[in-house]
Amino acid sequence: MERLRIVLADDHPLVLMAVRDLLDKDLGFEVTGMLPGPTALVEHLVRDVPHVVITDYSMPGDETYGDGIRLVKYLMRHFPSARVVVLTMVSNPMIISALYDAGVAAVVLKRDNLAEIVIALRTLQGGRNYHPPGFQGHGTIDSRRTFIGERINSLSPKEFEVLRHFIRGESMMQVAQTLQRSVKTVSGQKIAAMRKLNVQTDQELVAFCVEIEIFQ
């Protein structure tokens, strides 16, 4: 079986080293590049397209190519021969489904054992896409849009306003000052909104709102 040529992209050096060390132990894999962000990744791919790109989902600060689904869609358009594997802390099934809709071959959750990356790559070598353990898709794109719309419509006006300001990058104290509410009140409204949107962390919340363009 041909060795998989793999390029890694992550803005955390320790993650890059950990993944490289894992893959170097397997003679079936060859890491040909380790990049610290989207721009460096794209510049590398222009020179040398591997079999597989393993990229972090969240690599903020790159205005040229962005990260998340925006970056994935760019990679799919410009380097269609490379299969894309996304590493992410985001476990929201809607976002994972959207990544597969965008064309990724695998999503590996960082909360799972790092060895899942090897399982994912073996699955790709077998000609199949890899899905994280326990993941179940949420039907068609139209049905997911309806489901997302229902969740957004379940937000109260006050919860919606709190999220709108939070996604802009304001702290809870700044949101409270802007909306003339107490920090305790706006924090409670943010937690309630997260529960309705089925997101567990601030990172998931930001990713969810950005990907569905709720405040665009």
N, C-alpha and C. Protein backbone atom coordinates (compact mmCIF):
# COMPACT_ATOMS: atom_id res chain seq x y z
N MET A 1 0.85 -1.20 0.00
CA MET A 1 0.00 0.00 0.00
C MET A 1 0.88 1.25 0.00
N GLU A 2 0.55 2.22 -0.85
CA GLU A 2 1.34 3.44 -0.95
C GLU A 2 1.31 4.22 0.36
N ARG A 3 2.48 4.75 0.71
CA ARG A 3 2.54 5.58 1.91
C ARG A 3 1.73 6.85 1.71
N LEU A 4 0.99 7.22 2.75
CA LEU A 4 0.22 8.46 2.69
C LEU A 4 1.14 9.63 3.00
N ARG A 5 1.20 10.56 2.06
CA ARG A 5 1.95 11.80 2.30
C ARG A 5 1.00 12.79 2.96
N ILE A 6 1.41 13.29 4.13
CA ILE A 6 0.51 14.06 4.99
C ILE A 6 1.12 15.40 5.36
N VAL A 7 0.30 16.45 5.30
CA VAL A 7 0.70 17.78 5.76
C VAL A 7 -0.16 18.14 6.97
N LEU A 8 0.48 18.69 8.01
CA LEU A 8 -0.20 19.06 9.24
C LEU A 8 -0.27 20.57 9.36
N ALA A 9 -1.41 21.08 9.86
CA ALA A 9 -1.55 22.52 10.11
C ALA A 9 -2.24 22.73 11.45
N ASP A 10 -1.58 23.45 12.34
CA ASP A 10 -2.16 23.76 13.65
C ASP A 10 -1.38 24.93 14.23
N ASP A 11 -2.08 25.85 14.89
CA ASP A 11 -1.38 27.00 15.46
C ASP A 11 -0.79 26.71 16.83
N HIS A 12 -0.89 25.46 17.29
CA HIS A 12 -0.28 25.06 18.56
C HIS A 12 0.89 24.12 18.27
N PRO A 13 2.13 24.56 18.49
CA PRO A 13 3.30 23.72 18.18
C PRO A 13 3.28 22.36 18.87
N LEU A 14 2.77 22.30 20.10
CA LEU A 14 2.75 21.03 20.82
C LEU A 14 1.83 20.02 20.13
N VAL A 15 0.71 20.52 19.58
CA VAL A 15 -0.20 19.63 18.86
C VAL A 15 0.48 19.10 17.60
N LEU A 16 1.17 19.99 16.88
CA LEU A 16 1.88 19.57 15.68
C LEU A 16 2.89 18.47 16.00
N MET A 17 3.66 18.67 17.07
CA MET A 17 4.69 17.69 17.41
C MET A 17 4.07 16.37 17.85
N ALA A 18 2.97 16.45 18.61
CA ALA A 18 2.32 15.24 19.09
C ALA A 18 1.78 14.40 17.93
N VAL A 19 1.13 15.07 16.97
CA VAL A 19 0.58 14.36 15.82
C VAL A 19 1.70 13.80 14.95
N ARG A 20 2.75 14.60 14.73
CA ARG A 20 3.87 14.11 13.93
C ARG A 20 4.52 12.89 14.58
N ASP A 21 4.76 12.97 15.89
CA ASP A 21 5.38 11.84 16.59
C ASP A 21 4.52 10.58 16.47
N LEU A 22 3.20 10.76 16.55
CA LEU A 22 2.29 9.62 16.41
C LEU A 22 2.40 9.01 15.00
N LEU A 23 2.38 9.85 13.99
CA LEU A 23 2.39 9.35 12.61
C LEU A 23 3.75 8.80 12.20
N ASP A 24 4.83 9.35 12.79
CA ASP A 24 6.17 8.87 12.45
C ASP A 24 6.39 7.42 12.88
N LYS A 25 5.57 6.94 13.81
CA LYS A 25 5.71 5.56 14.29
C LYS A 25 5.14 4.55 13.30
N ASP A 26 4.41 5.04 12.33
CA ASP A 26 3.75 4.16 11.37
C ASP A 26 4.43 4.29 10.01
N LEU A 27 4.95 3.18 9.49
CA LEU A 27 5.66 3.20 8.22
C LEU A 27 4.74 3.53 7.04
N GLY A 28 3.42 3.48 7.27
CA GLY A 28 2.48 3.76 6.18
C GLY A 28 2.24 5.24 5.98
N PHE A 29 2.81 6.08 6.87
CA PHE A 29 2.57 7.52 6.79
C PHE A 29 3.89 8.28 6.67
N GLU A 30 3.84 9.39 5.93
CA GLU A 30 5.00 10.26 5.81
C GLU A 30 4.55 11.71 5.96
N VAL A 31 4.98 12.36 7.03
CA VAL A 31 4.65 13.77 7.25
C VAL A 31 5.61 14.62 6.43
N THR A 32 5.06 15.35 5.47
CA THR A 32 5.90 16.13 4.56
C THR A 32 5.87 17.62 4.85
N GLY A 33 5.06 18.04 5.81
CA GLY A 33 5.01 19.45 6.15
C GLY A 33 4.28 19.69 7.46
N MET A 34 4.76 20.68 8.22
CA MET A 34 4.11 21.09 9.47
C MET A 34 3.99 22.60 9.44
N LEU A 35 2.75 23.09 9.37
CA LEU A 35 2.52 24.52 9.18
C LEU A 35 1.77 25.13 10.36
N PRO A 36 2.10 26.39 10.71
CA PRO A 36 1.50 27.01 11.89
C PRO A 36 0.19 27.74 11.67
N GLY A 37 -0.33 27.76 10.43
CA GLY A 37 -1.57 28.48 10.19
C GLY A 37 -2.04 28.36 8.76
N PRO A 38 -3.21 28.93 8.45
CA PRO A 38 -3.82 28.81 7.12
C PRO A 38 -2.96 29.34 5.97
N THR A 39 -2.39 30.53 6.13
CA THR A 39 -1.59 31.09 5.03
C THR A 39 -0.38 30.21 4.73
N ALA A 40 0.33 29.79 5.77
CA ALA A 40 1.49 28.92 5.57
C ALA A 40 1.06 27.60 4.93
N LEU A 41 -0.11 27.09 5.32
CA LEU A 41 -0.62 25.85 4.74
C LEU A 41 -0.88 26.01 3.25
N VAL A 42 -1.60 27.06 2.88
CA VAL A 42 -1.93 27.27 1.46
C VAL A 42 -0.66 27.47 0.64
N GLU A 43 0.30 28.25 1.15
CA GLU A 43 1.54 28.47 0.42
C GLU A 43 2.29 27.16 0.21
N HIS A 44 2.24 26.27 1.20
CA HIS A 44 2.88 24.96 1.06
C HIS A 44 2.16 24.12 0.00
N LEU A 45 0.85 24.14 0.02
CA LEU A 45 0.07 23.31 -0.91
C LEU A 45 0.24 23.76 -2.35
N VAL A 46 0.49 25.04 -2.56
CA VAL A 46 0.73 25.54 -3.91
C VAL A 46 1.98 24.88 -4.48
N ARG A 47 2.96 24.61 -3.61
CA ARG A 47 4.22 23.99 -4.05
C ARG A 47 4.14 22.47 -4.09
N ASP A 48 3.38 21.88 -3.14
CA ASP A 48 3.40 20.43 -3.01
C ASP A 48 2.08 19.95 -2.38
N VAL A 49 1.25 19.28 -3.17
CA VAL A 49 -0.04 18.79 -2.67
C VAL A 49 0.12 17.35 -2.17
N PRO A 50 -0.17 17.09 -0.90
CA PRO A 50 -0.03 15.74 -0.35
C PRO A 50 -1.28 14.91 -0.61
N HIS A 51 -1.28 13.70 -0.09
CA HIS A 51 -2.49 12.89 -0.17
C HIS A 51 -3.54 13.40 0.82
N VAL A 52 -3.06 13.81 2.01
CA VAL A 52 -3.97 14.20 3.09
C VAL A 52 -3.48 15.48 3.76
N VAL A 53 -4.42 16.38 4.05
CA VAL A 53 -4.16 17.55 4.89
C VAL A 53 -4.89 17.34 6.21
N ILE A 54 -4.14 17.38 7.31
CA ILE A 54 -4.75 17.34 8.64
C ILE A 54 -4.66 18.74 9.22
N THR A 55 -5.80 19.40 9.40
CA THR A 55 -5.80 20.78 9.83
C THR A 55 -6.67 21.00 11.06
N ASP A 56 -6.21 21.89 11.93
CA ASP A 56 -7.01 22.31 13.07
C ASP A 56 -8.23 23.08 12.55
N TYR A 57 -9.33 22.99 13.28
CA TYR A 57 -10.54 23.72 12.89
C TYR A 57 -10.40 25.20 13.23
N SER A 58 -9.89 25.48 14.42
CA SER A 58 -9.84 26.86 14.91
C SER A 58 -8.40 27.38 14.89
N MET A 59 -8.12 28.25 13.93
CA MET A 59 -6.82 28.93 13.85
C MET A 59 -7.08 30.40 13.56
N PRO A 60 -7.52 31.15 14.57
CA PRO A 60 -7.94 32.53 14.37
C PRO A 60 -6.79 33.47 13.99
N GLY A 61 -7.17 34.59 13.40
CA GLY A 61 -6.20 35.64 13.12
C GLY A 61 -5.72 35.72 11.70
N ASP A 62 -6.17 34.79 10.84
CA ASP A 62 -5.74 34.81 9.44
C ASP A 62 -6.85 35.42 8.59
N GLU A 63 -6.68 36.68 8.21
CA GLU A 63 -7.72 37.38 7.46
C GLU A 63 -7.77 36.95 5.99
N THR A 64 -6.68 36.37 5.50
CA THR A 64 -6.63 36.00 4.08
C THR A 64 -7.47 34.77 3.79
N TYR A 65 -7.26 33.70 4.57
CA TYR A 65 -7.95 32.44 4.29
C TYR A 65 -8.93 32.03 5.40
N GLY A 66 -8.84 32.67 6.56
CA GLY A 66 -9.74 32.32 7.65
C GLY A 66 -9.45 30.92 8.17
N ASP A 67 -10.39 30.39 8.93
CA ASP A 67 -10.26 29.02 9.42
C ASP A 67 -11.64 28.37 9.37
N GLY A 68 -11.81 27.25 10.07
CA GLY A 68 -13.11 26.60 10.10
C GLY A 68 -13.58 26.19 8.70
N ILE A 69 -14.88 26.28 8.49
CA ILE A 69 -15.46 25.85 7.21
C ILE A 69 -15.00 26.74 6.06
N ARG A 70 -14.75 28.00 6.34
CA ARG A 70 -14.25 28.90 5.28
C ARG A 70 -12.94 28.35 4.71
N LEU A 71 -12.02 27.95 5.55
CA LEU A 71 -10.75 27.41 5.09
C LEU A 71 -10.96 26.07 4.38
N VAL A 72 -11.81 25.23 4.96
CA VAL A 72 -12.08 23.92 4.35
C VAL A 72 -12.60 24.09 2.92
N LYS A 73 -13.54 24.98 2.73
CA LYS A 73 -14.11 25.19 1.40
C LYS A 73 -13.05 25.69 0.42
N TYR A 74 -12.13 26.52 0.91
CA TYR A 74 -11.05 27.00 0.04
C TYR A 74 -10.15 25.84 -0.37
N LEU A 75 -9.81 24.99 0.60
CA LEU A 75 -8.95 23.85 0.29
C LEU A 75 -9.63 22.91 -0.71
N MET A 76 -10.92 22.69 -0.55
CA MET A 76 -11.64 21.79 -1.44
C MET A 76 -11.69 22.33 -2.87
N ARG A 77 -11.82 23.65 -2.99
CA ARG A 77 -11.90 24.27 -4.32
C ARG A 77 -10.55 24.26 -5.03
N HIS A 78 -9.49 24.57 -4.30
CA HIS A 78 -8.19 24.80 -4.93
C HIS A 78 -7.26 23.59 -4.91
N PHE A 79 -7.51 22.64 -4.01
CA PHE A 79 -6.65 21.46 -3.92
C PHE A 79 -7.52 20.20 -3.79
N PRO A 80 -8.36 19.94 -4.79
CA PRO A 80 -9.35 18.87 -4.68
C PRO A 80 -8.75 17.47 -4.56
N SER A 81 -7.50 17.30 -4.95
CA SER A 81 -6.91 15.96 -4.88
C SER A 81 -6.48 15.59 -3.46
N ALA A 82 -6.37 16.57 -2.58
CA ALA A 82 -5.98 16.30 -1.19
C ALA A 82 -7.22 16.03 -0.35
N ARG A 83 -7.20 14.96 0.42
CA ARG A 83 -8.30 14.68 1.32
C ARG A 83 -8.06 15.45 2.62
N VAL A 84 -9.11 16.03 3.15
CA VAL A 84 -8.97 16.91 4.31
C VAL A 84 -9.50 16.23 5.57
N VAL A 85 -8.66 16.23 6.60
CA VAL A 85 -9.03 15.73 7.92
C VAL A 85 -9.01 16.92 8.88
N VAL A 86 -10.10 17.14 9.60
CA VAL A 86 -10.20 18.28 10.51
C VAL A 86 -10.08 17.80 11.95
N LEU A 87 -9.14 18.42 12.68
CA LEU A 87 -9.02 18.20 14.12
C LEU A 87 -9.77 19.32 14.83
N THR A 88 -10.58 18.99 15.81
CA THR A 88 -11.36 20.04 16.44
C THR A 88 -11.78 19.70 17.86
N MET A 89 -11.92 20.76 18.66
CA MET A 89 -12.51 20.64 20.00
C MET A 89 -14.02 20.77 19.92
N VAL A 90 -14.52 21.25 18.79
CA VAL A 90 -15.96 21.47 18.62
C VAL A 90 -16.67 20.14 18.39
N SER A 91 -17.64 19.83 19.24
CA SER A 91 -18.35 18.55 19.12
C SER A 91 -19.80 18.70 18.70
N ASN A 92 -20.23 19.93 18.44
CA ASN A 92 -21.61 20.15 18.03
C ASN A 92 -21.90 19.41 16.73
N PRO A 93 -22.89 18.50 16.73
CA PRO A 93 -23.14 17.68 15.53
C PRO A 93 -23.52 18.48 14.30
N MET A 94 -24.13 19.65 14.50
CA MET A 94 -24.48 20.49 13.35
C MET A 94 -23.24 20.98 12.63
N ILE A 95 -22.23 21.39 13.39
CA ILE A 95 -21.00 21.89 12.79
C ILE A 95 -20.23 20.75 12.14
N ILE A 96 -20.21 19.59 12.81
CA ILE A 96 -19.53 18.43 12.22
C ILE A 96 -20.20 18.03 10.91
N SER A 97 -21.53 18.03 10.90
CA SER A 97 -22.26 17.71 9.67
C SER A 97 -21.93 18.71 8.57
N ALA A 98 -21.83 19.99 8.94
CA ALA A 98 -21.52 21.02 7.95
C ALA A 98 -20.13 20.81 7.36
N LEU A 99 -19.19 20.32 8.17
CA LEU A 99 -17.85 20.04 7.66
C LEU A 99 -17.89 18.93 6.61
N TYR A 100 -18.66 17.88 6.90
CA TYR A 100 -18.79 16.81 5.91
C TYR A 100 -19.50 17.32 4.65
N ASP A 101 -20.50 18.17 4.82
CA ASP A 101 -21.17 18.76 3.66
C ASP A 101 -20.18 19.56 2.81
N ALA A 102 -19.20 20.20 3.47
CA ALA A 102 -18.21 21.01 2.76
C ALA A 102 -17.19 20.15 2.03
N GLY A 103 -17.15 18.85 2.37
CA GLY A 103 -16.28 17.95 1.63
C GLY A 103 -15.15 17.28 2.39
N VAL A 104 -15.07 17.48 3.73
CA VAL A 104 -13.98 16.84 4.46
C VAL A 104 -14.15 15.33 4.45
N ALA A 105 -13.02 14.62 4.54
CA ALA A 105 -13.05 13.16 4.55
C ALA A 105 -13.12 12.60 5.96
N ALA A 106 -12.75 13.41 6.94
CA ALA A 106 -12.75 12.94 8.33
C ALA A 106 -12.76 14.11 9.28
N VAL A 107 -13.44 13.93 10.41
CA VAL A 107 -13.39 14.87 11.53
C VAL A 107 -12.94 14.08 12.74
N VAL A 108 -11.85 14.51 13.36
CA VAL A 108 -11.33 13.84 14.55
C VAL A 108 -11.45 14.81 15.72
N LEU A 109 -12.13 14.37 16.77
CA LEU A 109 -12.35 15.22 17.94
C LEU A 109 -11.13 15.17 18.85
N LYS A 110 -10.65 16.34 19.26
CA LYS A 110 -9.47 16.41 20.11
C LYS A 110 -9.71 15.81 21.48
N ARG A 111 -10.97 15.70 21.88
CA ARG A 111 -11.27 15.11 23.18
C ARG A 111 -11.07 13.59 23.15
N ASP A 112 -11.08 12.99 21.97
CA ASP A 112 -10.88 11.55 21.84
C ASP A 112 -9.39 11.22 21.91
N ASN A 113 -9.08 9.95 22.01
CA ASN A 113 -7.70 9.50 22.02
C ASN A 113 -7.02 9.92 20.72
N LEU A 114 -5.78 10.39 20.84
CA LEU A 114 -5.05 10.85 19.67
C LEU A 114 -4.91 9.75 18.62
N ALA A 115 -4.95 8.50 19.07
CA ALA A 115 -4.83 7.37 18.14
C ALA A 115 -5.97 7.33 17.13
N GLU A 116 -7.07 8.07 17.38
CA GLU A 116 -8.17 8.13 16.42
C GLU A 116 -7.70 8.70 15.08
N ILE A 117 -6.63 9.50 15.10
CA ILE A 117 -6.10 10.03 13.85
C ILE A 117 -5.62 8.89 12.95
N VAL A 118 -4.94 7.92 13.56
CA VAL A 118 -4.46 6.77 12.80
C VAL A 118 -5.64 5.97 12.25
N ILE A 119 -6.67 5.78 13.08
CA ILE A 119 -7.86 5.05 12.63
C ILE A 119 -8.51 5.79 11.47
N ALA A 120 -8.57 7.11 11.56
CA ALA A 120 -9.15 7.91 10.49
C ALA A 120 -8.37 7.74 9.20
N LEU A 121 -7.05 7.79 9.30
CA LEU A 121 -6.22 7.66 8.10
C LEU A 121 -6.33 6.27 7.49
N ARG A 122 -6.40 5.23 8.32
CA ARG A 122 -6.58 3.87 7.81
C ARG A 122 -7.93 3.74 7.10
N THR A 123 -8.93 4.42 7.63
CA THR A 123 -10.26 4.40 7.00
C THR A 123 -10.20 5.05 5.63
N LEU A 124 -9.47 6.17 5.53
CA LEU A 124 -9.32 6.84 4.24
C LEU A 124 -8.57 5.95 3.25
N GLN A 125 -7.55 5.26 3.74
CA GLN A 125 -6.80 4.35 2.86
C GLN A 125 -7.70 3.24 2.32
N GLY A 126 -8.72 2.91 3.09
CA GLY A 126 -9.67 1.88 2.66
C GLY A 126 -10.74 2.41 1.73
N GLY A 127 -10.65 3.70 1.39
CA GLY A 127 -11.58 4.28 0.44
C GLY A 127 -12.87 4.79 1.05
N ARG A 128 -12.89 4.94 2.38
CA ARG A 128 -14.12 5.39 3.04
C ARG A 128 -13.83 6.66 3.86
N ASN A 129 -14.87 7.43 4.10
CA ASN A 129 -14.75 8.56 5.01
C ASN A 129 -14.82 8.06 6.45
N TYR A 130 -14.20 8.82 7.33
CA TYR A 130 -14.19 8.49 8.76
C TYR A 130 -15.13 9.42 9.50
N HIS A 131 -15.88 8.86 10.46
CA HIS A 131 -16.73 9.67 11.33
C HIS A 131 -16.34 9.41 12.79
N PRO A 132 -16.36 10.45 13.63
CA PRO A 132 -15.97 10.25 15.03
C PRO A 132 -16.91 9.29 15.75
N PRO A 133 -16.41 8.60 16.78
CA PRO A 133 -17.25 7.64 17.52
C PRO A 133 -18.53 8.28 18.04
N GLY A 134 -19.64 7.62 17.79
CA GLY A 134 -20.92 8.10 18.30
C GLY A 134 -21.57 9.17 17.46
N PHE A 135 -20.88 9.62 16.41
CA PHE A 135 -21.47 10.69 15.59
C PHE A 135 -22.59 10.15 14.73
N GLN A 136 -23.68 10.90 14.69
CA GLN A 136 -24.79 10.60 13.80
C GLN A 136 -25.17 11.87 13.06
N GLY A 137 -25.22 11.77 11.75
CA GLY A 137 -25.59 12.94 10.96
C GLY A 137 -27.01 13.39 11.27
N HIS A 138 -27.32 14.59 10.87
CA HIS A 138 -28.64 15.15 11.15
C HIS A 138 -29.45 15.35 9.86
N GLY A 139 -29.52 14.28 9.06
CA GLY A 139 -30.39 14.32 7.90
C GLY A 139 -29.87 15.20 6.78
N THR A 140 -30.76 15.66 5.94
CA THR A 140 -30.39 16.45 4.78
C THR A 140 -30.02 17.87 5.20
N ILE A 141 -29.39 18.58 4.25
CA ILE A 141 -29.03 19.97 4.53
C ILE A 141 -30.26 20.79 4.84
N ASP A 142 -31.35 20.58 4.08
CA ASP A 142 -32.58 21.34 4.32
C ASP A 142 -33.15 21.05 5.70
N SER A 143 -33.11 19.77 6.11
CA SER A 143 -33.67 19.44 7.42
C SER A 143 -32.82 20.04 8.54
N ARG A 144 -31.50 20.10 8.32
CA ARG A 144 -30.65 20.70 9.34
C ARG A 144 -30.89 22.21 9.43
N ARG A 145 -31.11 22.83 8.26
CA ARG A 145 -31.40 24.27 8.28
C ARG A 145 -32.69 24.55 9.04
N THR A 146 -33.67 23.69 8.84
CA THR A 146 -34.94 23.85 9.58
C THR A 146 -34.70 23.68 11.07
N PHE A 147 -33.90 22.66 11.42
CA PHE A 147 -33.61 22.38 12.82
C PHE A 147 -32.86 23.55 13.45
N ILE A 148 -31.87 24.09 12.73
CA ILE A 148 -31.11 25.23 13.24
C ILE A 148 -32.03 26.44 13.41
N GLY A 149 -32.90 26.66 12.42
CA GLY A 149 -33.84 27.78 12.51
C GLY A 149 -34.73 27.69 13.74
N GLU A 150 -35.16 26.47 14.05
CA GLU A 150 -36.01 26.27 15.23
C GLU A 150 -35.25 26.61 16.51
N ARG A 151 -33.99 26.23 16.56
CA ARG A 151 -33.18 26.52 17.75
C ARG A 151 -32.98 28.03 17.90
N ILE A 152 -32.68 28.71 16.78
CA ILE A 152 -32.48 30.16 16.84
C ILE A 152 -33.77 30.86 17.26
N ASN A 153 -34.88 30.40 16.71
CA ASN A 153 -36.17 31.02 17.04
C ASN A 153 -36.58 30.79 18.50
N SER A 154 -35.95 29.80 19.14
CA SER A 154 -36.27 29.53 20.54
C SER A 154 -35.60 30.52 21.48
N LEU A 155 -34.63 31.29 20.97
CA LEU A 155 -33.94 32.28 21.79
C LEU A 155 -34.88 33.45 22.11
N SER A 156 -34.82 33.92 23.33
CA SER A 156 -35.58 35.12 23.68
C SER A 156 -34.86 36.33 23.11
N PRO A 157 -35.55 37.46 22.93
CA PRO A 157 -34.89 38.67 22.42
C PRO A 157 -33.68 39.08 23.27
N LYS A 158 -33.78 38.93 24.59
CA LYS A 158 -32.68 39.32 25.46
C LYS A 158 -31.49 38.37 25.29
N GLU A 159 -31.77 37.08 25.15
CA GLU A 159 -30.69 36.11 24.92
C GLU A 159 -30.01 36.39 23.59
N PHE A 160 -30.81 36.71 22.59
CA PHE A 160 -30.28 36.99 21.25
C PHE A 160 -29.34 38.19 21.30
N GLU A 161 -29.72 39.23 22.03
CA GLU A 161 -28.89 40.43 22.13
C GLU A 161 -27.59 40.14 22.86
N VAL A 162 -27.64 39.33 23.90
CA VAL A 162 -26.43 38.97 24.64
C VAL A 162 -25.46 38.25 23.71
N LEU A 163 -25.97 37.30 22.95
CA LEU A 163 -25.11 36.56 22.02
C LEU A 163 -24.54 37.48 20.95
N ARG A 164 -25.34 38.38 20.45
CA ARG A 164 -24.88 39.28 19.39
C ARG A 164 -23.68 40.08 19.85
N HIS A 165 -23.71 40.56 21.06
CA HIS A 165 -22.59 41.35 21.59
C HIS A 165 -21.41 40.45 21.95
N PHE A 166 -21.69 39.27 22.47
CA PHE A 166 -20.61 38.36 22.84
C PHE A 166 -19.83 37.93 21.61
N ILE A 167 -20.53 37.63 20.51
CA ILE A 167 -19.87 37.18 19.29
C ILE A 167 -19.02 38.30 18.68
N ARG A 168 -19.35 39.53 19.01
CA ARG A 168 -18.53 40.66 18.54
C ARG A 168 -17.19 40.72 19.27
N GLY A 169 -17.06 39.93 20.34
CA GLY A 169 -15.81 39.92 21.09
C GLY A 169 -15.88 40.64 22.41
N GLU A 170 -17.09 41.07 22.82
CA GLU A 170 -17.23 41.77 24.09
C GLU A 170 -17.21 40.78 25.26
N SER A 171 -16.61 41.19 26.37
CA SER A 171 -16.65 40.38 27.58
C SER A 171 -18.02 40.48 28.22
N MET A 172 -18.29 39.61 29.18
CA MET A 172 -19.59 39.66 29.85
C MET A 172 -19.79 41.00 30.56
N MET A 173 -18.70 41.57 31.07
CA MET A 173 -18.81 42.87 31.74
C MET A 173 -19.17 43.96 30.73
N GLN A 174 -18.56 43.90 29.55
CA GLN A 174 -18.87 44.88 28.50
C GLN A 174 -20.29 44.71 28.00
N VAL A 175 -20.73 43.44 27.85
CA VAL A 175 -22.11 43.19 27.42
C VAL A 175 -23.09 43.75 28.43
N ALA A 176 -22.79 43.54 29.71
CA ALA A 176 -23.66 44.03 30.78
C ALA A 176 -23.76 45.55 30.74
N GLN A 177 -22.62 46.20 30.52
CA GLN A 177 -22.62 47.67 30.46
C GLN A 177 -23.40 48.16 29.25
N THR A 178 -23.20 47.50 28.12
CA THR A 178 -23.88 47.91 26.89
C THR A 178 -25.39 47.77 27.01
N LEU A 179 -25.82 46.63 27.58
CA LEU A 179 -27.26 46.35 27.67
C LEU A 179 -27.88 46.85 28.97
N GLN A 180 -27.06 47.44 29.82
CA GLN A 180 -27.51 47.99 31.11
C GLN A 180 -28.21 46.92 31.95
N ARG A 181 -27.54 45.78 32.04
CA ARG A 181 -27.98 44.70 32.90
C ARG A 181 -26.82 44.29 33.79
N SER A 182 -27.09 43.48 34.79
CA SER A 182 -26.01 43.01 35.65
C SER A 182 -25.22 41.92 34.95
N VAL A 183 -23.97 41.74 35.38
CA VAL A 183 -23.14 40.69 34.81
C VAL A 183 -23.78 39.33 35.07
N LYS A 184 -24.37 39.17 36.25
CA LYS A 184 -25.02 37.90 36.58
C LYS A 184 -26.18 37.62 35.62
N THR A 185 -26.94 38.66 35.30
CA THR A 185 -28.09 38.48 34.41
C THR A 185 -27.66 38.09 33.00
N VAL A 186 -26.69 38.83 32.43
CA VAL A 186 -26.29 38.52 31.06
C VAL A 186 -25.56 37.17 30.97
N SER A 187 -24.84 36.82 32.04
CA SER A 187 -24.17 35.51 32.06
C SER A 187 -25.20 34.40 32.06
N GLY A 188 -26.27 34.59 32.84
CA GLY A 188 -27.35 33.60 32.89
C GLY A 188 -28.06 33.48 31.55
N GLN A 189 -28.25 34.61 30.88
CA GLN A 189 -28.91 34.60 29.57
C GLN A 189 -28.02 33.93 28.51
N LYS A 190 -26.71 34.12 28.62
CA LYS A 190 -25.79 33.46 27.69
C LYS A 190 -25.82 31.95 27.91
N ILE A 191 -25.82 31.51 29.14
CA ILE A 191 -25.87 30.08 29.45
C ILE A 191 -27.16 29.47 28.93
N ALA A 192 -28.27 30.18 29.10
CA ALA A 192 -29.56 29.70 28.63
C ALA A 192 -29.56 29.58 27.10
N ALA A 193 -28.97 30.55 26.44
CA ALA A 193 -28.90 30.52 24.97
C ALA A 193 -28.03 29.35 24.50
N MET A 194 -26.93 29.11 25.18
CA MET A 194 -26.05 28.00 24.81
C MET A 194 -26.78 26.67 24.95
N ARG A 195 -27.58 26.55 25.98
CA ARG A 195 -28.34 25.32 26.20
C ARG A 195 -29.33 25.10 25.05
N LYS A 196 -29.99 26.17 24.62
CA LYS A 196 -30.96 26.06 23.54
C LYS A 196 -30.29 25.73 22.21
N LEU A 197 -29.06 26.22 22.01
CA LEU A 197 -28.34 25.97 20.76
C LEU A 197 -27.54 24.67 20.81
N ASN A 198 -27.55 24.02 21.95
CA ASN A 198 -26.85 22.74 22.14
C ASN A 198 -25.35 22.87 21.91
N VAL A 199 -24.76 23.92 22.48
CA VAL A 199 -23.30 24.08 22.46
C VAL A 199 -22.80 24.07 23.89
N GLN A 200 -21.60 23.51 24.09
CA GLN A 200 -21.11 23.29 25.44
C GLN A 200 -20.07 24.30 25.89
N THR A 201 -19.35 24.89 24.96
CA THR A 201 -18.25 25.79 25.30
C THR A 201 -18.36 27.08 24.51
N ASP A 202 -17.59 28.09 24.94
CA ASP A 202 -17.57 29.36 24.21
C ASP A 202 -17.05 29.16 22.79
N GLN A 203 -16.07 28.26 22.63
CA GLN A 203 -15.54 27.99 21.29
C GLN A 203 -16.62 27.42 20.39
N GLU A 204 -17.41 26.48 20.92
CA GLU A 204 -18.49 25.90 20.13
C GLU A 204 -19.53 26.97 19.79
N LEU A 205 -19.82 27.83 20.76
CA LEU A 205 -20.81 28.88 20.54
C LEU A 205 -20.37 29.81 19.42
N VAL A 206 -19.12 30.25 19.47
CA VAL A 206 -18.61 31.15 18.43
C VAL A 206 -18.62 30.44 17.08
N ALA A 207 -18.14 29.19 17.07
CA ALA A 207 -18.11 28.44 15.80
C ALA A 207 -19.51 28.28 15.22
N PHE A 208 -20.47 27.95 16.07
CA PHE A 208 -21.85 27.76 15.63
C PHE A 208 -22.39 29.04 15.01
N CYS A 209 -22.23 30.16 15.71
CA CYS A 209 -22.78 31.43 15.23
C CYS A 209 -22.09 31.91 13.96
N VAL A 210 -20.78 31.67 13.87
CA VAL A 210 -20.04 32.12 12.68
C VAL A 210 -20.44 31.28 11.47
N GLU A 211 -20.51 29.96 11.67
CA GLU A 211 -20.78 29.09 10.53
C GLU A 211 -22.18 29.25 9.96
N ILE A 212 -23.16 29.53 10.83
CA ILE A 212 -24.51 29.69 10.31
C ILE A 212 -24.81 31.16 10.00
N GLU A 213 -23.81 32.02 10.23
CA GLU A 213 -23.90 33.45 9.89
C GLU A 213 -25.11 34.11 10.54
N ILE A 214 -25.33 33.78 11.80
CA ILE A 214 -26.51 34.29 12.49
C ILE A 214 -26.46 35.80 12.69
N PHE A 215 -25.26 36.36 12.83
CA PHE A 215 -25.16 37.79 13.09
C PHE A 215 -24.46 38.54 11.95
N GLN A 216 -24.45 37.95 10.75
CA GLN A 216 -23.82 38.59 9.60
C GLN A 216 -24.72 39.68 9.02
